[in-house]
Amino acid sequence: MLAAVRLATVLVLAGFALFIAFDHARRYPQDLPWTPLDLTAPIGWATGGKLLALGKHPGQCRALLTAAGIVATPLPDFDAGPGCRVTGAVRVMNVGLPLDHSLVMTCPLAAAMTVWTRHVVIPAVRERGLTATGLADLGSLNCRRIAGTARLSEHAHANAVDIAAIRIGRDHPLSVARDFGSEGPRGATLAALHAGACRLFGTVLGPNYNRAHRDHFHLDMAAWNACR
């Protein structure tokens, strides 16, 4: 009799746990790795992994950008220099906010930029009562090695972008060089942008990493994870 009661209790608890799991999955599909990615949906636990996986699905990646209203011109694969092969790239001028330049970047990077812009940058700036109007970029594609090493940078494959500031209408831009690490709302906002990027990109480097990054955030879609 006691064994039967225990078994019934276990079954009830298991059923309740399954109900909670299914209810969570229904309400928060972005948290599950097997649900389709939607660039307009809120960021979930699985969003970063889904963005990285887009490198294996270029057609799906471009379709997601189109569905999110991003104009991305697909480019044929090409060599940007010795060892600097660029595959699955698109050209974009807007990733939810206008960029300073027309940039060549891998499609997964453009997708991650779109999610970061819409779900991290714009809301964080809005919390200060301001409106983000653009991203001050320092470029993406650059056939070069990581300083002090023999390894090619992710920039060499158009898989990285550097962001120096967030433009805010006629107000002074939120500048990484000037405002990151400062006390007050500007520093807090940039800290939130950095933390939000770490949920989406393979590598995020900023002023805390080294002097070479004192004036920008380096964002890339490398397969490993680093947030500094």
Protein backbone atom coordinates (compact mmCIF):
# COMPACT_ATOMS: atom_id res chain seq x y z
CA MET A 1 0.00 0.00 0.00
CA LEU A 2 2.77 2.40 0.93
CA ALA A 3 4.61 1.57 -2.31
CA ALA A 4 1.47 2.30 -4.31
CA VAL A 5 1.08 5.68 -2.62
CA ARG A 6 4.69 6.54 -3.34
CA LEU A 7 4.32 5.52 -6.99
CA ALA A 8 1.16 7.61 -7.33
CA THR A 9 2.94 10.58 -5.77
CA VAL A 10 5.87 10.23 -8.18
CA LEU A 11 3.50 10.02 -11.15
CA VAL A 12 1.57 13.10 -10.03
CA LEU A 13 4.78 15.09 -9.54
CA ALA A 14 6.12 13.92 -12.91
CA GLY A 15 2.88 14.93 -14.60
CA PHE A 16 2.97 18.31 -12.92
CA ALA A 17 6.59 18.81 -14.02
CA LEU A 18 5.66 17.91 -17.61
CA PHE A 19 2.76 20.35 -17.51
CA ILE A 20 5.07 23.13 -16.31
CA ALA A 21 7.62 22.27 -19.01
CA PHE A 22 5.05 22.25 -21.81
CA ASP A 23 3.45 25.45 -20.56
CA HIS A 24 6.86 27.16 -20.47
CA ALA A 25 7.62 25.89 -23.98
CA ARG A 26 4.30 27.23 -25.24
CA ARG A 27 4.82 30.67 -23.74
CA TYR A 28 8.59 30.98 -24.25
CA PRO A 29 9.59 29.09 -27.42
CA GLN A 30 12.76 31.22 -27.65
CA ASP A 31 14.13 29.29 -24.66
CA LEU A 32 14.08 25.95 -26.49
CA PRO A 33 16.87 24.92 -28.89
CA TRP A 34 14.55 23.01 -31.26
CA THR A 35 11.99 25.74 -31.91
CA PRO A 36 12.37 27.96 -35.02
CA LEU A 37 14.38 31.13 -34.63
CA ASP A 38 12.53 34.43 -35.01
CA LEU A 39 14.65 37.59 -35.11
CA THR A 40 11.70 39.66 -33.93
CA ALA A 41 11.01 37.47 -30.87
CA PRO A 42 12.40 38.26 -27.41
CA ILE A 43 15.85 36.87 -26.56
CA GLY A 44 15.73 33.47 -24.87
CA TRP A 45 18.17 30.97 -23.40
CA ALA A 46 18.62 29.29 -26.81
CA THR A 47 18.77 32.38 -29.03
CA GLY A 48 22.57 32.66 -29.09
CA GLY A 49 23.01 29.02 -30.08
CA LYS A 50 20.41 29.30 -32.82
CA LEU A 51 22.16 32.36 -34.25
CA LEU A 52 25.51 30.55 -34.33
CA ALA A 53 23.88 27.57 -36.06
CA LEU A 54 22.70 29.76 -38.94
CA GLY A 55 26.17 29.47 -40.48
CA LYS A 56 25.15 26.00 -41.69
CA HIS A 57 21.86 27.28 -43.14
CA PRO A 58 22.54 30.35 -45.33
CA GLY A 59 19.17 30.22 -47.09
CA GLN A 60 17.29 30.13 -43.80
CA CYS A 61 19.45 32.95 -42.47
CA ARG A 62 18.66 35.23 -45.40
CA ALA A 63 14.96 34.38 -45.11
CA LEU A 64 15.00 35.34 -41.43
CA LEU A 65 16.58 38.71 -42.25
CA THR A 66 13.94 39.34 -44.90
CA ALA A 67 11.14 38.36 -42.50
CA ALA A 68 12.58 40.84 -39.98
CA GLY A 69 12.52 43.63 -42.58
CA ILE A 70 16.30 43.75 -43.09
CA VAL A 71 17.54 44.46 -46.61
CA ALA A 72 20.52 42.15 -47.04
CA THR A 73 22.12 41.67 -50.44
CA PRO A 74 23.61 38.16 -50.74
CA LEU A 75 27.18 38.04 -52.04
CA PRO A 76 29.04 35.25 -53.83
CA ASP A 77 31.86 33.65 -51.85
CA PHE A 78 35.16 35.44 -52.43
CA ASP A 79 38.74 35.84 -51.22
CA ALA A 80 39.44 39.14 -49.46
CA GLY A 81 43.18 38.43 -49.33
CA PRO A 82 45.62 35.62 -48.56
CA GLY A 83 43.74 33.12 -46.38
CA CYS A 84 40.80 35.48 -45.98
CA ARG A 85 37.97 33.47 -47.48
CA VAL A 86 34.51 35.01 -47.07
CA THR A 87 31.52 32.68 -47.38
CA GLY A 88 27.81 33.18 -46.87
CA ALA A 89 28.12 36.95 -46.64
CA VAL A 90 25.58 39.70 -47.17
CA ARG A 91 25.85 43.45 -47.57
CA VAL A 92 23.76 45.52 -45.17
CA MET A 93 23.29 49.20 -44.38
CA ASN A 94 20.72 48.74 -41.63
CA VAL A 95 20.35 46.07 -38.93
CA GLY A 96 17.36 47.56 -37.17
CA LEU A 97 19.28 50.85 -36.93
CA PRO A 98 21.28 52.46 -39.74
CA LEU A 99 25.00 51.74 -39.87
CA ASP A 100 27.54 54.41 -40.77
CA HIS A 101 28.76 52.32 -43.69
CA SER A 102 27.52 49.69 -46.10
CA LEU A 103 29.08 46.61 -44.50
CA VAL A 104 29.91 43.13 -45.73
CA MET A 105 29.34 40.55 -42.99
CA THR A 106 28.37 36.92 -42.63
CA CYS A 107 24.64 36.36 -42.55
CA PRO A 108 24.66 35.00 -38.96
CA LEU A 109 26.49 38.15 -37.84
CA ALA A 110 23.88 40.33 -39.55
CA ALA A 111 21.14 38.30 -37.84
CA ALA A 112 22.78 38.65 -34.41
CA MET A 113 23.23 42.38 -34.99
CA THR A 114 19.53 42.65 -35.81
CA VAL A 115 18.51 40.90 -32.58
CA TRP A 116 20.97 42.94 -30.50
CA THR A 117 19.85 46.22 -32.01
CA ARG A 118 16.14 45.61 -31.64
CA HIS A 119 16.01 43.79 -28.32
CA VAL A 120 18.97 45.27 -26.45
CA VAL A 121 20.14 48.60 -27.89
CA ILE A 122 16.84 50.31 -28.68
CA PRO A 123 15.11 49.32 -25.38
CA ALA A 124 18.15 50.21 -23.24
CA VAL A 125 18.40 53.67 -24.79
CA ARG A 126 14.63 54.14 -24.53
CA GLU A 127 14.84 53.53 -20.78
CA ARG A 128 16.83 56.78 -20.58
CA GLY A 129 14.02 58.60 -22.35
CA LEU A 130 16.04 58.84 -25.58
CA THR A 131 15.79 57.36 -29.06
CA ALA A 132 18.60 55.42 -30.72
CA THR A 133 19.00 56.55 -34.32
CA GLY A 134 22.05 54.67 -35.58
CA LEU A 135 25.17 52.61 -34.94
CA ALA A 136 28.60 54.21 -35.36
CA ASP A 137 30.61 51.33 -36.79
CA LEU A 138 34.34 50.99 -37.40
CA GLY A 139 33.91 48.39 -40.11
CA SER A 140 33.63 44.64 -40.49
CA LEU A 141 35.67 42.97 -43.26
CA ASN A 142 39.43 43.41 -42.83
CA CYS A 143 41.93 40.77 -44.00
CA ARG A 144 44.31 40.83 -41.05
CA ARG A 145 45.65 38.78 -38.17
CA ILE A 146 44.92 39.24 -34.48
CA ALA A 147 47.50 41.67 -33.13
CA GLY A 148 50.52 39.84 -31.76
CA THR A 149 49.47 36.43 -33.09
CA ALA A 150 49.62 34.40 -36.29
CA ARG A 151 45.89 33.69 -36.17
CA LEU A 152 43.53 35.40 -38.57
CA SER A 153 40.97 37.71 -37.01
CA GLU A 154 37.27 37.02 -37.46
CA HIS A 155 37.31 40.31 -39.37
CA ALA A 156 39.32 38.47 -42.05
CA HIS A 157 36.19 36.43 -42.84
CA ALA A 158 33.65 39.28 -42.41
CA ASN A 159 32.53 37.51 -39.25
CA ALA A 160 33.12 40.46 -36.89
CA VAL A 161 32.03 44.07 -36.58
CA ASP A 162 33.29 46.91 -34.37
CA ILE A 163 30.80 49.35 -32.85
CA ALA A 164 32.17 52.62 -31.44
CA ALA A 165 28.98 54.39 -30.38
CA ILE A 166 25.20 54.50 -30.46
CA ARG A 167 23.83 57.58 -32.18
CA ILE A 168 21.02 59.37 -30.34
CA GLY A 169 19.48 62.03 -32.54
CA ARG A 170 20.95 65.44 -31.78
CA ASP A 171 22.25 64.36 -28.38
CA HIS A 172 25.87 63.29 -27.92
CA PRO A 173 26.29 59.65 -29.00
CA LEU A 174 26.76 56.98 -26.38
CA SER A 175 30.49 56.58 -26.92
CA VAL A 176 32.40 53.47 -25.86
CA ALA A 177 35.62 55.50 -25.61
CA ARG A 178 34.09 58.27 -23.49
CA ASP A 179 31.21 56.70 -21.60
CA PHE A 180 31.98 53.03 -20.99
CA GLY A 181 32.82 52.47 -17.34
CA SER A 182 31.66 55.93 -16.32
CA GLU A 183 29.22 56.46 -13.48
CA GLY A 184 25.73 57.57 -14.29
CA PRO A 185 23.13 56.55 -16.89
CA ARG A 186 25.48 56.60 -19.91
CA GLY A 187 27.91 54.17 -18.38
CA ALA A 188 25.08 51.97 -17.12
CA THR A 189 23.47 51.88 -20.55
CA LEU A 190 26.70 50.83 -22.28
CA ALA A 191 27.25 48.15 -19.63
CA ALA A 192 23.77 46.82 -20.43
CA LEU A 193 24.56 46.81 -24.17
CA HIS A 194 27.77 44.87 -23.53
CA ALA A 195 25.99 42.33 -21.28
CA GLY A 196 23.18 41.92 -23.80
CA ALA A 197 25.67 41.30 -26.61
CA CYS A 198 27.25 38.49 -24.60
CA ARG A 199 23.98 36.56 -24.85
CA LEU A 200 24.03 36.64 -28.66
CA PHE A 201 27.55 36.76 -30.10
CA GLY A 202 30.36 34.22 -29.96
CA THR A 203 32.86 36.83 -28.79
CA VAL A 204 32.32 40.24 -27.23
CA LEU A 205 35.37 42.38 -26.43
CA GLY A 206 35.38 45.89 -25.01
CA PRO A 207 37.52 48.32 -23.02
CA ASN A 208 37.83 45.86 -20.14
CA TYR A 209 39.65 43.41 -22.43
CA ASN A 210 42.66 45.46 -23.53
CA ARG A 211 43.72 48.90 -24.75
CA ALA A 212 43.17 47.95 -28.39
CA HIS A 213 39.44 47.82 -27.62
CA ARG A 214 39.27 50.98 -25.53
CA ASP A 215 37.05 52.75 -28.08
CA HIS A 216 34.73 50.05 -29.38
CA PHE A 217 32.87 46.78 -28.86
CA HIS A 218 34.16 43.92 -30.98
CA LEU A 219 31.28 41.57 -31.82
CA ASP A 220 31.82 38.33 -33.73
CA MET A 221 30.24 34.95 -34.37
CA ALA A 222 33.20 32.70 -33.58
CA ALA A 223 32.23 29.21 -32.43
CA TRP A 224 33.68 29.73 -28.94
CA ASN A 225 32.33 32.04 -26.27
CA ALA A 226 34.19 34.96 -24.73
CA CYS A 227 32.69 37.97 -22.96
CA ARG A 228 35.24 40.53 -21.80
